Amino acid sequence: MNYTNAVIFIILAFSLGLIMIMNKDSIPQKIRKGMALTAVALILFAFYIIVYSLYTMGSS
């Protein structure tokens, strides 16, 4: 099975979280909370993809 799209999504989700942490002072207050919630949701989904791929790794 090809996991290229999943790997790209995981890298981008964690990169977004890192960027949000590093630049939290320069993000306007109005959109900070929404962007943080979106980043958290994407990171949680990335963790789900990691766990699911590890769970299904042995089955063909």
C-alpha atoms as a PDB file:
ATOM      1  CA  MET A   1       0.000   0.000   0.000  1.00  0.00           C
ATOM      2  CA  ASN A   2       1.207   3.495  -0.840  1.00  0.00           C
ATOM      3  CA  TYR A   3       1.356   5.812   2.180  1.00  0.00           C
ATOM      4  CA  THR A   4       2.809   8.846   0.393  1.00  0.00           C
ATOM      5  CA  ASN A   5      -0.248  11.053   0.899  1.00  0.00           C
ATOM      6  CA  ALA A   6      -0.482  10.115   4.572  1.00  0.00           C
ATOM      7  CA  VAL A   7       3.192  10.914   5.158  1.00  0.00           C
ATOM      8  CA  ILE A   8       2.843  14.277   3.422  1.00  0.00           C
ATOM      9  CA  PHE A   9      -0.243  15.113   5.517  1.00  0.00           C
ATOM     10  CA  ILE A  10       1.527  14.129   8.755  1.00  0.00           C
ATOM     11  CA  ILE A  11       4.556  16.273   7.927  1.00  0.00           C
ATOM     12  CA  LEU A  12       2.377  19.249   7.020  1.00  0.00           C
ATOM     13  CA  ALA A  13       0.192  18.928  10.130  1.00  0.00           C
ATOM     14  CA  PHE A  14       3.187  18.874  12.456  1.00  0.00           C
ATOM     15  CA  SER A  15       4.809  21.719  10.511  1.00  0.00           C
ATOM     16  CA  LEU A  16       1.664  23.829  10.938  1.00  0.00           C
ATOM     17  CA  GLY A  17       1.699  23.162  14.668  1.00  0.00           C
ATOM     18  CA  LEU A  18       5.363  24.108  14.901  1.00  0.00           C
ATOM     19  CA  ILE A  19       4.812  27.299  12.924  1.00  0.00           C
ATOM     20  CA  MET A  20       1.862  28.211  15.152  1.00  0.00           C
ATOM     21  CA  ILE A  21       4.012  27.753  18.262  1.00  0.00           C
ATOM     22  CA  MET A  22       6.982  29.671  16.884  1.00  0.00           C
ATOM     23  CA  ASN A  23       4.966  32.631  15.548  1.00  0.00           C
ATOM     24  CA  LYS A  24       2.210  32.882  18.142  1.00  0.00           C
ATOM     25  CA  ASP A  25       2.980  36.527  18.913  1.00  0.00           C
ATOM     26  CA  SER A  26       2.786  37.724  15.306  1.00  0.00           C
ATOM     27  CA  ILE A  27      -0.602  36.118  14.546  1.00  0.00           C
ATOM     28  CA  PRO A  28      -3.538  38.521  14.955  1.00  0.00           C
ATOM     29  CA  GLN A  29      -5.716  37.880  18.013  1.00  0.00           C
ATOM     30  CA  LYS A  30      -8.916  37.497  15.959  1.00  0.00           C
ATOM     31  CA  ILE A  31      -7.707  34.439  14.046  1.00  0.00           C
ATOM     32  CA  ARG A  32      -5.310  32.940  16.614  1.00  0.00           C
ATOM     33  CA  LYS A  33      -7.886  30.768  18.391  1.00  0.00           C
ATOM     34  CA  GLY A  34      -9.406  29.399  15.184  1.00  0.00           C
ATOM     35  CA  MET A  35      -6.031  28.584  13.695  1.00  0.00           C
ATOM     36  CA  ALA A  36      -4.909  26.910  16.917  1.00  0.00           C
ATOM     37  CA  LEU A  37      -8.028  24.741  17.035  1.00  0.00           C
ATOM     38  CA  THR A  38      -7.565  23.803  13.379  1.00  0.00           C
ATOM     39  CA  ALA A  39      -3.914  22.907  13.985  1.00  0.00           C
ATOM     40  CA  VAL A  40      -4.829  20.772  17.006  1.00  0.00           C
ATOM     41  CA  ALA A  41      -7.513  18.937  15.008  1.00  0.00           C
ATOM     42  CA  LEU A  42      -5.078  18.252  12.153  1.00  0.00           C
ATOM     43  CA  ILE A  43      -2.370  17.035  14.539  1.00  0.00           C
ATOM     44  CA  LEU A  44      -4.821  14.706  16.304  1.00  0.00           C
ATOM     45  CA  PHE A  45      -5.883  13.297  12.941  1.00  0.00           C
ATOM     46  CA  ALA A  46      -2.209  12.845  12.014  1.00  0.00           C
ATOM     47  CA  PHE A  47      -1.677  10.860  15.229  1.00  0.00           C
ATOM     48  CA  TYR A  48      -4.699   8.736  14.317  1.00  0.00           C
ATOM     49  CA  ILE A  49      -3.200   8.040  10.885  1.00  0.00           C
ATOM     50  CA  ILE A  50       0.121   7.047  12.481  1.00  0.00           C
ATOM     51  CA  VAL A  51      -1.539   4.671  14.945  1.00  0.00           C
ATOM     52  CA  TYR A  52      -3.818   3.196  12.277  1.00  0.00           C
ATOM     53  CA  SER A  53      -0.933   2.607   9.885  1.00  0.00           C
ATOM     54  CA  LEU A  54       1.076   0.902  12.621  1.00  0.00           C
ATOM     55  CA  TYR A  55      -1.956  -1.228  13.530  1.00  0.00           C
ATOM     56  CA  THR A  56      -2.524  -2.359   9.935  1.00  0.00           C
ATOM     57  CA  MET A  57       1.154  -2.767   9.058  1.00  0.00           C
ATOM     58  CA  GLY A  58       1.191  -6.520   9.622  1.00  0.00           C
ATOM     59  CA  SER A  59      -1.960  -7.333   7.632  1.00  0.00           C
ATOM     60  CA  SER A  60      -1.891  -7.446   3.869  1.00  0.00           C
END
